C-alpha atoms as a PDB file:
ATOM      1  CA  MET A   1       5.335  11.584  19.382  1.00  0.00           C
ATOM      2  CA  THR A   2       5.455  15.220  20.408  1.00  0.00           C
ATOM      3  CA  THR A   3       8.734  17.100  20.103  1.00  0.00           C
ATOM      4  CA  ASN A   4       9.864  20.645  20.605  1.00  0.00           C
ATOM      5  CA  ALA A   5      13.358  21.920  19.815  1.00  0.00           C
ATOM      6  CA  PRO A   6      14.851  24.415  22.290  1.00  0.00           C
ATOM      7  CA  GLY A   7      13.780  27.959  21.467  1.00  0.00           C
ATOM      8  CA  LYS A   8      11.258  26.910  18.828  1.00  0.00           C
ATOM      9  CA  ALA A   9       7.780  28.341  19.257  1.00  0.00           C
ATOM     10  CA  GLY A  10       6.080  25.386  17.570  1.00  0.00           C
ATOM     11  CA  THR A  11       5.681  21.837  18.798  1.00  0.00           C
ATOM     12  CA  ALA A  12       5.527  19.015  16.258  1.00  0.00           C
ATOM     13  CA  ARG A  13       2.579  16.677  16.743  1.00  0.00           C
ATOM     14  CA  ASN A  14       2.928  13.126  15.415  1.00  0.00           C
ATOM     15  CA  PRO A  15       0.698  11.018  17.688  1.00  0.00           C
ATOM     16  CA  ALA A  16       0.444   7.241  17.416  1.00  0.00           C
ATOM     17  CA  THR A  17      -3.239   7.695  16.527  1.00  0.00           C
ATOM     18  CA  VAL A  18      -2.216   8.982  13.054  1.00  0.00           C
ATOM     19  CA  TRP A  19      -0.110   7.008  10.564  1.00  0.00           C
ATOM     20  CA  THR A  20       3.552   6.767  11.517  1.00  0.00           C
ATOM     21  CA  VAL A  21       5.835   9.059   9.569  1.00  0.00           C
ATOM     22  CA  PRO A  22       8.377   6.852   7.740  1.00  0.00           C
ATOM     23  CA  GLU A  23      11.985   7.235   8.923  1.00  0.00           C
ATOM     24  CA  PRO A  24      13.286   8.878   5.696  1.00  0.00           C
ATOM     25  CA  LEU A  25      10.679  11.651   6.062  1.00  0.00           C
ATOM     26  CA  ARG A  26      10.958  12.374   9.796  1.00  0.00           C
ATOM     27  CA  ALA A  27      13.532  15.150   9.393  1.00  0.00           C
ATOM     28  CA  ILE A  28      11.418  17.020   6.829  1.00  0.00           C
ATOM     29  CA  TYR A  29       7.772  16.288   7.727  1.00  0.00           C
ATOM     30  CA  SER A  30       5.429  16.522  10.684  1.00  0.00           C
ATOM     31  CA  HIS A  31       1.657  15.896  10.704  1.00  0.00           C
ATOM     32  CA  ALA A  32       0.936  19.070  12.662  1.00  0.00           C
ATOM     33  CA  CYS A  33       2.719  21.840  14.517  1.00  0.00           C
ATOM     34  CA  GLU A  34       1.130  23.505  17.531  1.00  0.00           C
ATOM     35  CA  VAL A  35       1.878  27.172  18.194  1.00  0.00           C
ATOM     36  CA  ARG A  36       0.851  28.641  21.509  1.00  0.00           C
ATOM     37  CA  SER A  37      -0.182  32.290  21.955  1.00  0.00           C
ATOM     38  CA  ASN A  38       2.202  35.182  22.627  1.00  0.00           C
ATOM     39  CA  VAL A  39       4.382  34.441  19.615  1.00  0.00           C
ATOM     40  CA  ARG A  40       5.268  36.523  16.590  1.00  0.00           C
ATOM     41  CA  THR A  41       3.915  34.899  13.446  1.00  0.00           C
ATOM     42  CA  LEU A  42       5.250  35.494   9.947  1.00  0.00           C
ATOM     43  CA  PHE A  43       3.156  34.418   6.958  1.00  0.00           C
ATOM     44  CA  ILE A  44       5.348  34.137   3.868  1.00  0.00           C
ATOM     45  CA  SER A  45       3.515  34.342   0.571  1.00  0.00           C
ATOM     46  CA  GLY A  46       4.355  31.832  -2.115  1.00  0.00           C
ATOM     47  CA  GLN A  47       7.967  32.279  -3.198  1.00  0.00           C
ATOM     48  CA  PHE A  48       9.073  31.367  -6.696  1.00  0.00           C
ATOM     49  CA  GLY A  49      12.544  30.549  -7.999  1.00  0.00           C
ATOM     50  CA  VAL A  50      13.258  34.152  -8.958  1.00  0.00           C
ATOM     51  CA  ASP A  51      16.594  35.590  -7.801  1.00  0.00           C
ATOM     52  CA  PRO A  52      16.938  39.170  -6.443  1.00  0.00           C
ATOM     53  CA  GLN A  53      17.874  40.463  -9.920  1.00  0.00           C
ATOM     54  CA  GLY A  54      14.730  38.949 -11.457  1.00  0.00           C
ATOM     55  CA  GLY A  55      16.428  35.968 -13.111  1.00  0.00           C
ATOM     56  CA  ILE A  56      14.892  32.518 -13.101  1.00  0.00           C
ATOM     57  CA  PRO A  57      16.762  29.279 -13.838  1.00  0.00           C
ATOM     58  CA  ALA A  58      15.238  26.889 -16.355  1.00  0.00           C
ATOM     59  CA  ASP A  59      15.858  23.825 -14.161  1.00  0.00           C
ATOM     60  CA  PHE A  60      13.893  22.672 -11.113  1.00  0.00           C
ATOM     61  CA  GLU A  61      16.908  22.510  -8.773  1.00  0.00           C
ATOM     62  CA  GLY A  62      17.887  26.115  -9.519  1.00  0.00           C
ATOM     63  CA  GLN A  63      14.338  27.366  -9.043  1.00  0.00           C
ATOM     64  CA  CYS A  64      13.912  25.382  -5.830  1.00  0.00           C
ATOM     65  CA  ALA A  65      17.193  26.735  -4.413  1.00  0.00           C
ATOM     66  CA  ASN A  66      16.166  30.308  -5.275  1.00  0.00           C
ATOM     67  CA  ALA A  67      12.714  29.845  -3.710  1.00  0.00           C
ATOM     68  CA  MET A  68      14.338  28.450  -0.544  1.00  0.00           C
ATOM     69  CA  ASP A  69      16.771  31.401  -0.540  1.00  0.00           C
ATOM     70  CA  ASN A  70      13.827  33.799  -0.795  1.00  0.00           C
ATOM     71  CA  VAL A  71      12.066  32.151   2.167  1.00  0.00           C
ATOM     72  CA  GLU A  72      15.289  32.363   4.199  1.00  0.00           C
ATOM     73  CA  ARG A  73      15.771  36.051   3.273  1.00  0.00           C
ATOM     74  CA  LEU A  74      12.251  36.881   4.404  1.00  0.00           C
ATOM     75  CA  LEU A  75      12.804  35.001   7.666  1.00  0.00           C
ATOM     76  CA  ALA A  76      16.071  36.907   8.241  1.00  0.00           C
ATOM     77  CA  ASP A  77      14.322  40.220   7.550  1.00  0.00           C
ATOM     78  CA  ALA A  78      11.916  39.360  10.405  1.00  0.00           C
ATOM     79  CA  GLY A  79      14.767  38.243  12.697  1.00  0.00           C
ATOM     80  CA  MET A  80      13.793  34.584  12.303  1.00  0.00           C
ATOM     81  CA  THR A  81      15.504  31.434  11.019  1.00  0.00           C
ATOM     82  CA  ARG A  82      14.478  28.163   9.349  1.00  0.00           C
ATOM     83  CA  SER A  83      14.032  26.666  12.810  1.00  0.00           C
ATOM     84  CA  ASP A  84      11.079  29.040  13.325  1.00  0.00           C
ATOM     85  CA  ILE A  85       9.134  27.579  10.366  1.00  0.00           C
ATOM     86  CA  VAL A  86       6.026  25.735  11.581  1.00  0.00           C
ATOM     87  CA  LYS A  87       4.260  25.142   8.224  1.00  0.00           C
ATOM     88  CA  LEU A  88       5.506  24.702   4.666  1.00  0.00           C
ATOM     89  CA  SER A  89       3.465  24.284   1.497  1.00  0.00           C
ATOM     90  CA  TYR A  90       5.119  23.256  -1.749  1.00  0.00           C
ATOM     91  CA  PHE A  91       3.414  23.629  -5.120  1.00  0.00           C
ATOM     92  CA  LEU A  92       4.968  21.729  -8.024  1.00  0.00           C
ATOM     93  CA  VAL A  93       3.868  21.620 -11.645  1.00  0.00           C
ATOM     94  CA  ARG A  94       5.590  18.283 -12.371  1.00  0.00           C
ATOM     95  CA  THR A  95       5.172  15.161 -10.261  1.00  0.00           C
ATOM     96  CA  GLU A  96       8.602  13.929 -11.336  1.00  0.00           C
ATOM     97  CA  ASP A  97      10.217  16.823  -9.405  1.00  0.00           C
ATOM     98  CA  ALA A  98       8.949  15.499  -6.037  1.00  0.00           C
ATOM     99  CA  PRO A  99      12.041  13.295  -5.396  1.00  0.00           C
ATOM    100  CA  LYS A 100      14.334  16.251  -6.206  1.00  0.00           C
ATOM    101  CA  LEU A 101      12.365  18.416  -3.783  1.00  0.00           C
ATOM    102  CA  ALA A 102      12.652  15.784  -1.048  1.00  0.00           C
ATOM    103  CA  GLU A 103      16.410  15.529  -1.626  1.00  0.00           C
ATOM    104  CA  MET A 104      16.856  19.298  -1.470  1.00  0.00           C
ATOM    105  CA  ARG A 105      14.734  19.556   1.677  1.00  0.00           C
ATOM    106  CA  ARG A 106      16.767  16.827   3.396  1.00  0.00           C
ATOM    107  CA  GLY A 107      20.019  18.521   2.414  1.00  0.00           C
ATOM    108  CA  ARG A 108      19.003  22.010   3.429  1.00  0.00           C
ATOM    109  CA  TRP A 109      15.987  22.128   5.729  1.00  0.00           C
ATOM    110  CA  ALA A 110      16.101  18.825   7.649  1.00  0.00           C
ATOM    111  CA  THR A 111      15.573  19.148  11.399  1.00  0.00           C
ATOM    112  CA  ASP A 112      14.836  17.016  14.435  1.00  0.00           C
ATOM    113  CA  ASP A 113      11.582  18.965  14.829  1.00  0.00           C
ATOM    114  CA  PRO A 114      10.218  19.452  11.285  1.00  0.00           C
ATOM    115  CA  PRO A 115       7.260  21.676  10.472  1.00  0.00           C
ATOM    116  CA  SER A 116       3.994  20.367   9.118  1.00  0.00           C
ATOM    117  CA  VAL A 117       4.220  20.082   5.336  1.00  0.00           C
ATOM    118  CA  THR A 118       1.875  19.980   2.376  1.00  0.00           C
ATOM    119  CA  MET A 119       2.993  19.224  -1.171  1.00  0.00           C
ATOM    120  CA  LEU A 120       0.619  19.709  -4.072  1.00  0.00           C
ATOM    121  CA  VAL A 121       1.044  19.102  -7.769  1.00  0.00           C
ATOM    122  CA  VAL A 122      -0.839  21.775  -9.680  1.00  0.00           C
ATOM    123  CA  SER A 123      -1.487  22.307 -13.371  1.00  0.00           C
ATOM    124  CA  ALA A 124       0.216  25.716 -13.457  1.00  0.00           C
ATOM    125  CA  LEU A 125       1.653  28.535 -11.376  1.00  0.00           C
ATOM    126  CA  ALA A 126       1.564  32.313 -11.965  1.00  0.00           C
ATOM    127  CA  ARG A 127       3.930  32.113 -14.959  1.00  0.00           C
ATOM    128  CA  PRO A 128       4.418  29.206 -17.355  1.00  0.00           C
ATOM    129  CA  ASP A 129       8.176  29.034 -16.598  1.00  0.00           C
ATOM    130  CA  PHE A 130       7.662  28.677 -12.818  1.00  0.00           C
ATOM    131  CA  LEU A 131       8.208  25.081 -11.639  1.00  0.00           C
ATOM    132  CA  ILE A 132       7.858  25.508  -7.841  1.00  0.00           C
ATOM    133  CA  GLU A 133       6.290  27.801  -5.285  1.00  0.00           C
ATOM    134  CA  ILE A 134       7.012  27.635  -1.551  1.00  0.00           C
ATOM    135  CA  GLU A 135       4.704  29.131   1.066  1.00  0.00           C
ATOM    136  CA  ALA A 136       5.723  29.236   4.739  1.00  0.00           C
ATOM    137  CA  VAL A 137       4.486  30.178   8.190  1.00  0.00           C
ATOM    138  CA  ALA A 138       7.013  30.902  10.940  1.00  0.00           C
ATOM    139  CA  ALA A 139       6.507  31.589  14.631  1.00  0.00           C
ATOM    140  CA  ALA A 140       9.000  32.869  17.194  1.00  0.00           C
ATOM    141  CA  GLN A 141       8.727  33.758  20.848  1.00  0.00           C
END
């Protein structure tokens, strides 16, 4: 299935020749996202759960919300929105946080035309108190 939301520079690619994305994941995951030329592209470096004052919550949900806020602030600075995101990469240090991440994504970043997504569980991030890092690529016409 190929979809493209109005005004979005990227087109989700989920062909029948690749495994079918399960229904609960369709609003937050796409196998690939095609971006055609003549678009502005924003590459957002990995964002941690640090708030603008430098604080970091101890819990995963707080860090995840802050990291999502940071991605959204960077998009806004470039005149873009979440709907312009074509690729997301999530780095977690604890496997048990994956369901919480999925719940937060569904509640905040779900869309009919989701970006391609990668989630990795890593042994550590830049600081020992960091629990999540979110990297994004956005494209807008």
